[in-house]
Amino acid sequence: MTTESPKLNDYATLPDWFDDAEKLFNYVLAVLQFFGLAINLLHLSILIRKDLRMNSVYRLMIGICSCDLFSHILTFLAFSPFWIRESRKKSEECFITMRYSDAFLLLYPVIILDITQRSSSWLALAMALYRTLAVMFPMSPRIQKMSRPRWALWTILGVVLVNTAWSLVVFGRHRIVERNIDNE
């Protein structure tokens, strides 16, 4: 005795060119990820020299570069390994199912990706603010204190912690649950 799967409603039909465009986009994304990763590794290798590490602006740049490196790696993990996953077949009627590994790779790295991308932007703004204040008020003791390398480390830590808290509030509602659509 066999059971027949319920008829799935086709709410949106994808155009014929969609699969080819998605594949091309994923290849371009993968190539750009490697290119961006190489540039950031070169940039980080320059920034970690001892002479540059003694300046708060360069320490903030190290934080920005580190966030960008994590961002490139996690974008690659979350969106680019299309050659590893099962490809969607034309005969499949249901586009909403995914394996646990796909769901895992689409949720958890995206949380960290969100944290690193947001932190990178805020660190760049903090760096611009510090430089602007240093030029506007060069003799101020408060501004000189902000120019110390230790202050940059506290800024990086503070920005990452605030963005982590924010992302956890946003993504804390997401869960990965197992569902069997054939039995529902």
C-alpha atoms as a PDB file:
ATOM      1  CA  MET A   1       0.000   0.000   0.000  1.00  0.00           C
ATOM      2  CA  THR A   2       1.442   3.341  -1.001  1.00  0.00           C
ATOM      3  CA  THR A   3       0.465   6.785   0.056  1.00  0.00           C
ATOM      4  CA  GLU A   4       0.376   9.709  -2.260  1.00  0.00           C
ATOM      5  CA  SER A   5       2.019  12.971  -1.277  1.00  0.00           C
ATOM      6  CA  PRO A   6      -0.331  15.905  -1.042  1.00  0.00           C
ATOM      7  CA  LYS A   7      -0.389  18.195  -4.034  1.00  0.00           C
ATOM      8  CA  LEU A   8       1.880  21.148  -3.352  1.00  0.00           C
ATOM      9  CA  ASN A   9       0.688  24.524  -4.473  1.00  0.00           C
ATOM     10  CA  ASP A  10       2.968  26.335  -6.879  1.00  0.00           C
ATOM     11  CA  TYR A  11       2.751  29.889  -5.579  1.00  0.00           C
ATOM     12  CA  ALA A  12       5.533  31.305  -7.692  1.00  0.00           C
ATOM     13  CA  THR A  13       6.967  29.838 -10.831  1.00  0.00           C
ATOM     14  CA  LEU A  14      10.603  30.690 -11.331  1.00  0.00           C
ATOM     15  CA  PRO A  15      11.625  31.833 -14.805  1.00  0.00           C
ATOM     16  CA  ASP A  16      13.679  29.427 -16.916  1.00  0.00           C
ATOM     17  CA  TRP A  17      16.801  31.587 -16.700  1.00  0.00           C
ATOM     18  CA  PHE A  18      16.750  31.706 -12.863  1.00  0.00           C
ATOM     19  CA  ASP A  19      18.903  28.604 -12.243  1.00  0.00           C
ATOM     20  CA  ASP A  20      21.556  29.756 -14.725  1.00  0.00           C
ATOM     21  CA  ALA A  21      21.612  33.259 -13.244  1.00  0.00           C
ATOM     22  CA  GLU A  22      21.869  31.880  -9.704  1.00  0.00           C
ATOM     23  CA  LYS A  23      24.750  29.605 -10.682  1.00  0.00           C
ATOM     24  CA  LEU A  24      26.595  32.487 -12.384  1.00  0.00           C
ATOM     25  CA  PHE A  25      26.000  34.733  -9.365  1.00  0.00           C
ATOM     26  CA  ASN A  26      27.373  32.071  -7.014  1.00  0.00           C
ATOM     27  CA  TYR A  27      30.514  31.607  -9.130  1.00  0.00           C
ATOM     28  CA  VAL A  28      31.126  35.360  -9.248  1.00  0.00           C
ATOM     29  CA  LEU A  29      30.514  35.601  -5.492  1.00  0.00           C
ATOM     30  CA  ALA A  30      33.011  32.807  -4.797  1.00  0.00           C
ATOM     31  CA  VAL A  31      35.699  34.442  -6.954  1.00  0.00           C
ATOM     32  CA  LEU A  32      35.142  37.841  -5.331  1.00  0.00           C
ATOM     33  CA  GLN A  33      35.323  36.263  -1.862  1.00  0.00           C
ATOM     34  CA  PHE A  34      38.772  34.830  -2.603  1.00  0.00           C
ATOM     35  CA  PHE A  35      39.893  38.147  -4.097  1.00  0.00           C
ATOM     36  CA  GLY A  36      38.664  40.110  -1.061  1.00  0.00           C
ATOM     37  CA  LEU A  37      40.214  37.582   1.310  1.00  0.00           C
ATOM     38  CA  ALA A  38      43.603  37.921  -0.407  1.00  0.00           C
ATOM     39  CA  ILE A  39      43.496  41.727  -0.249  1.00  0.00           C
ATOM     40  CA  ASN A  40      42.544  41.695   3.438  1.00  0.00           C
ATOM     41  CA  LEU A  41      45.287  39.188   4.289  1.00  0.00           C
ATOM     42  CA  LEU A  42      47.829  41.437   2.562  1.00  0.00           C
ATOM     43  CA  HIS A  43      46.418  44.473   4.379  1.00  0.00           C
ATOM     44  CA  LEU A  44      46.519  42.675   7.745  1.00  0.00           C
ATOM     45  CA  SER A  45      50.117  41.557   7.172  1.00  0.00           C
ATOM     46  CA  ILE A  46      51.083  45.219   6.778  1.00  0.00           C
ATOM     47  CA  LEU A  47      49.000  46.440   9.738  1.00  0.00           C
ATOM     48  CA  ILE A  48      50.427  43.981  12.278  1.00  0.00           C
ATOM     49  CA  ARG A  49      53.941  45.386  12.031  1.00  0.00           C
ATOM     50  CA  LYS A  50      55.224  46.573  15.390  1.00  0.00           C
ATOM     51  CA  ASP A  51      55.572  50.218  14.298  1.00  0.00           C
ATOM     52  CA  LEU A  52      51.926  50.419  13.259  1.00  0.00           C
ATOM     53  CA  ARG A  53      50.489  48.537  16.226  1.00  0.00           C
ATOM     54  CA  MET A  54      51.507  51.383  18.555  1.00  0.00           C
ATOM     55  CA  ASN A  55      48.928  53.772  17.070  1.00  0.00           C
ATOM     56  CA  SER A  56      45.230  53.604  17.985  1.00  0.00           C
ATOM     57  CA  VAL A  57      44.074  54.313  14.421  1.00  0.00           C
ATOM     58  CA  TYR A  58      46.061  51.377  13.085  1.00  0.00           C
ATOM     59  CA  ARG A  59      44.694  49.166  15.848  1.00  0.00           C
ATOM     60  CA  LEU A  60      41.201  50.147  14.804  1.00  0.00           C
ATOM     61  CA  MET A  61      42.182  49.321  11.223  1.00  0.00           C
ATOM     62  CA  ILE A  62      43.358  45.887  12.427  1.00  0.00           C
ATOM     63  CA  GLY A  63      39.922  45.422  14.008  1.00  0.00           C
ATOM     64  CA  ILE A  64      38.202  46.464  10.783  1.00  0.00           C
ATOM     65  CA  CYS A  65      40.417  44.160   8.730  1.00  0.00           C
ATOM     66  CA  SER A  66      39.794  41.243  11.108  1.00  0.00           C
ATOM     67  CA  CYS A  67      36.038  41.772  10.895  1.00  0.00           C
ATOM     68  CA  ASP A  68      36.279  41.893   7.104  1.00  0.00           C
ATOM     69  CA  LEU A  69      38.284  38.648   7.037  1.00  0.00           C
ATOM     70  CA  PHE A  70      35.658  36.892   9.155  1.00  0.00           C
ATOM     71  CA  SER A  71      32.991  38.392   6.934  1.00  0.00           C
ATOM     72  CA  HIS A  72      34.598  37.038   3.749  1.00  0.00           C
ATOM     73  CA  ILE A  73      35.079  33.577   5.213  1.00  0.00           C
ATOM     74  CA  LEU A  74      31.559  33.381   6.620  1.00  0.00           C
ATOM     75  CA  THR A  75      29.963  34.714   3.449  1.00  0.00           C
ATOM     76  CA  PHE A  76      31.783  31.992   1.573  1.00  0.00           C
ATOM     77  CA  LEU A  77      30.630  29.324   4.034  1.00  0.00           C
ATOM     78  CA  ALA A  78      27.032  30.505   4.171  1.00  0.00           C
ATOM     79  CA  PHE A  79      26.354  31.301   0.534  1.00  0.00           C
ATOM     80  CA  SER A  80      29.013  29.954  -1.811  1.00  0.00           C
ATOM     81  CA  PRO A  81      29.452  26.196  -1.330  1.00  0.00           C
ATOM     82  CA  PHE A  82      26.862  25.521  -4.019  1.00  0.00           C
ATOM     83  CA  TRP A  83      29.057  22.819  -5.520  1.00  0.00           C
ATOM     84  CA  ILE A  84      28.879  20.850  -2.257  1.00  0.00           C
ATOM     85  CA  ARG A  85      25.124  20.935  -1.741  1.00  0.00           C
ATOM     86  CA  GLU A  86      22.544  19.002  -3.665  1.00  0.00           C
ATOM     87  CA  SER A  87      21.452  20.901  -6.699  1.00  0.00           C
ATOM     88  CA  ARG A  88      17.785  21.585  -7.229  1.00  0.00           C
ATOM     89  CA  LYS A  89      16.319  19.429  -9.964  1.00  0.00           C
ATOM     90  CA  LYS A  90      13.750  20.698 -12.420  1.00  0.00           C
ATOM     91  CA  SER A  91      11.458  17.813 -11.497  1.00  0.00           C
ATOM     92  CA  GLU A  92      11.265  18.822  -7.834  1.00  0.00           C
ATOM     93  CA  GLU A  93       8.002  20.560  -7.095  1.00  0.00           C
ATOM     94  CA  CYS A  94       8.846  21.736  -3.603  1.00  0.00           C
ATOM     95  CA  PHE A  95      11.479  24.421  -3.205  1.00  0.00           C
ATOM     96  CA  ILE A  96      11.049  24.948   0.537  1.00  0.00           C
ATOM     97  CA  THR A  97      12.828  21.864   1.861  1.00  0.00           C
ATOM     98  CA  MET A  98      16.446  21.874   2.889  1.00  0.00           C
ATOM     99  CA  ARG A  99      18.800  19.615   4.750  1.00  0.00           C
ATOM    100  CA  TYR A 100      19.876  20.278   8.329  1.00  0.00           C
ATOM    101  CA  SER A 101      23.412  21.184   7.218  1.00  0.00           C
ATOM    102  CA  ASP A 102      22.004  23.800   4.829  1.00  0.00           C
ATOM    103  CA  ALA A 103      19.778  25.249   7.544  1.00  0.00           C
ATOM    104  CA  PHE A 104      22.707  25.294   9.959  1.00  0.00           C
ATOM    105  CA  LEU A 105      24.981  26.993   7.408  1.00  0.00           C
ATOM    106  CA  LEU A 106      22.319  29.544   6.599  1.00  0.00           C
ATOM    107  CA  LEU A 107      21.567  30.540  10.193  1.00  0.00           C
ATOM    108  CA  TYR A 108      24.561  30.415  12.503  1.00  0.00           C
ATOM    109  CA  PRO A 109      27.312  31.797  10.257  1.00  0.00           C
ATOM    110  CA  VAL A 110      24.879  34.500   9.155  1.00  0.00           C
ATOM    111  CA  ILE A 111      24.590  35.639  12.790  1.00  0.00           C
ATOM    112  CA  ILE A 112      28.374  36.028  13.073  1.00  0.00           C
ATOM    113  CA  LEU A 113      28.463  37.527   9.577  1.00  0.00           C
ATOM    114  CA  ASP A 114      25.936  40.127  10.711  1.00  0.00           C
ATOM    115  CA  ILE A 115      28.046  40.919  13.786  1.00  0.00           C
ATOM    116  CA  THR A 116      31.295  41.285  11.816  1.00  0.00           C
ATOM    117  CA  GLN A 117      29.810  43.366   9.014  1.00  0.00           C
ATOM    118  CA  ARG A 118      28.100  45.749  11.411  1.00  0.00           C
ATOM    119  CA  SER A 119      31.205  45.942  13.639  1.00  0.00           C
ATOM    120  CA  SER A 120      33.410  46.750  10.665  1.00  0.00           C
ATOM    121  CA  SER A 121      31.221  49.705   9.732  1.00  0.00           C
ATOM    122  CA  TRP A 122      31.014  51.039  13.290  1.00  0.00           C
ATOM    123  CA  LEU A 123      34.766  50.669  13.783  1.00  0.00           C
ATOM    124  CA  ALA A 124      35.350  52.681  10.608  1.00  0.00           C
ATOM    125  CA  LEU A 125      33.078  55.413  11.965  1.00  0.00           C
ATOM    126  CA  ALA A 126      34.886  55.334  15.323  1.00  0.00           C
ATOM    127  CA  MET A 127      38.223  55.650  13.537  1.00  0.00           C
ATOM    128  CA  ALA A 128      36.963  58.640  11.540  1.00  0.00           C
ATOM    129  CA  LEU A 129      35.598  60.216  14.731  1.00  0.00           C
ATOM    130  CA  TYR A 130      38.913  59.761  16.573  1.00  0.00           C
ATOM    131  CA  ARG A 131      40.867  61.265  13.687  1.00  0.00           C
ATOM    132  CA  THR A 132      38.468  64.198  13.382  1.00  0.00           C
ATOM    133  CA  LEU A 133      38.627  64.929  17.106  1.00  0.00           C
ATOM    134  CA  ALA A 134      42.433  64.636  17.089  1.00  0.00           C
ATOM    135  CA  VAL A 135      42.667  67.228  14.308  1.00  0.00           C
ATOM    136  CA  MET A 136      40.079  69.561  15.844  1.00  0.00           C
ATOM    137  CA  PHE A 137      41.427  69.415  19.415  1.00  0.00           C
ATOM    138  CA  PRO A 138      45.111  68.434  19.242  1.00  0.00           C
ATOM    139  CA  MET A 139      45.993  69.693  22.741  1.00  0.00           C
ATOM    140  CA  SER A 140      43.037  68.241  24.647  1.00  0.00           C
ATOM    141  CA  PRO A 141      44.048  65.657  27.280  1.00  0.00           C
ATOM    142  CA  ARG A 142      40.841  63.683  26.663  1.00  0.00           C
ATOM    143  CA  ILE A 143      41.586  63.403  22.964  1.00  0.00           C
ATOM    144  CA  GLN A 144      45.186  62.414  23.676  1.00  0.00           C
ATOM    145  CA  LYS A 145      43.853  59.671  25.949  1.00  0.00           C
ATOM    146  CA  MET A 146      41.624  58.454  23.098  1.00  0.00           C
ATOM    147  CA  SER A 147      44.696  58.301  20.856  1.00  0.00           C
ATOM    148  CA  ARG A 148      46.335  55.641  23.007  1.00  0.00           C
ATOM    149  CA  PRO A 149      46.413  52.074  21.643  1.00  0.00           C
ATOM    150  CA  ARG A 150      44.672  50.702  24.737  1.00  0.00           C
ATOM    151  CA  TRP A 151      41.659  52.924  24.032  1.00  0.00           C
ATOM    152  CA  ALA A 152      41.394  51.382  20.549  1.00  0.00           C
ATOM    153  CA  LEU A 153      41.248  47.887  22.050  1.00  0.00           C
ATOM    154  CA  TRP A 154      38.436  48.949  24.384  1.00  0.00           C
ATOM    155  CA  THR A 155      36.627  50.518  21.439  1.00  0.00           C
ATOM    156  CA  ILE A 156      36.925  47.324  19.386  1.00  0.00           C
ATOM    157  CA  LEU A 157      35.723  45.212  22.296  1.00  0.00           C
ATOM    158  CA  GLY A 158      32.820  47.567  23.034  1.00  0.00           C
ATOM    159  CA  VAL A 159      31.681  47.736  19.414  1.00  0.00           C
ATOM    160  CA  VAL A 160      31.823  43.955  18.982  1.00  0.00           C
ATOM    161  CA  LEU A 161      29.947  43.346  22.253  1.00  0.00           C
ATOM    162  CA  VAL A 162      27.183  45.838  21.422  1.00  0.00           C
ATOM    163  CA  ASN A 163      26.781  44.381  17.930  1.00  0.00           C
ATOM    164  CA  THR A 164      26.781  40.837  19.316  1.00  0.00           C
ATOM    165  CA  ALA A 165      24.016  41.726  21.756  1.00  0.00           C
ATOM    166  CA  TRP A 166      22.036  43.404  18.996  1.00  0.00           C
ATOM    167  CA  SER A 167      22.405  40.456  16.605  1.00  0.00           C
ATOM    168  CA  LEU A 168      21.474  37.940  19.288  1.00  0.00           C
ATOM    169  CA  VAL A 169      18.288  39.894  19.993  1.00  0.00           C
ATOM    170  CA  VAL A 170      17.429  39.868  16.292  1.00  0.00           C
ATOM    171  CA  PHE A 171      18.427  36.265  15.539  1.00  0.00           C
ATOM    172  CA  GLY A 172      17.433  34.830  18.921  1.00  0.00           C
ATOM    173  CA  ARG A 173      13.955  34.136  17.628  1.00  0.00           C
ATOM    174  CA  HIS A 174      15.181  31.803  14.881  1.00  0.00           C
ATOM    175  CA  ARG A 175      15.231  28.067  15.428  1.00  0.00           C
ATOM    176  CA  ILE A 176      16.000  25.101  13.241  1.00  0.00           C
ATOM    177  CA  VAL A 177      13.218  22.545  13.546  1.00  0.00           C
ATOM    178  CA  GLU A 178      12.743  19.228  11.832  1.00  0.00           C
ATOM    179  CA  ARG A 179       9.538  18.905   9.869  1.00  0.00           C
ATOM    180  CA  ASN A 180       8.254  16.132   7.699  1.00  0.00           C
ATOM    181  CA  ILE A 181       6.082  17.797   5.114  1.00  0.00           C
ATOM    182  CA  ASP A 182       4.798  14.441   3.805  1.00  0.00           C
ATOM    183  CA  ASN A 183       3.092  13.629   7.108  1.00  0.00           C
ATOM    184  CA  GLU A 184       1.568  17.030   7.844  1.00  0.00           C
END
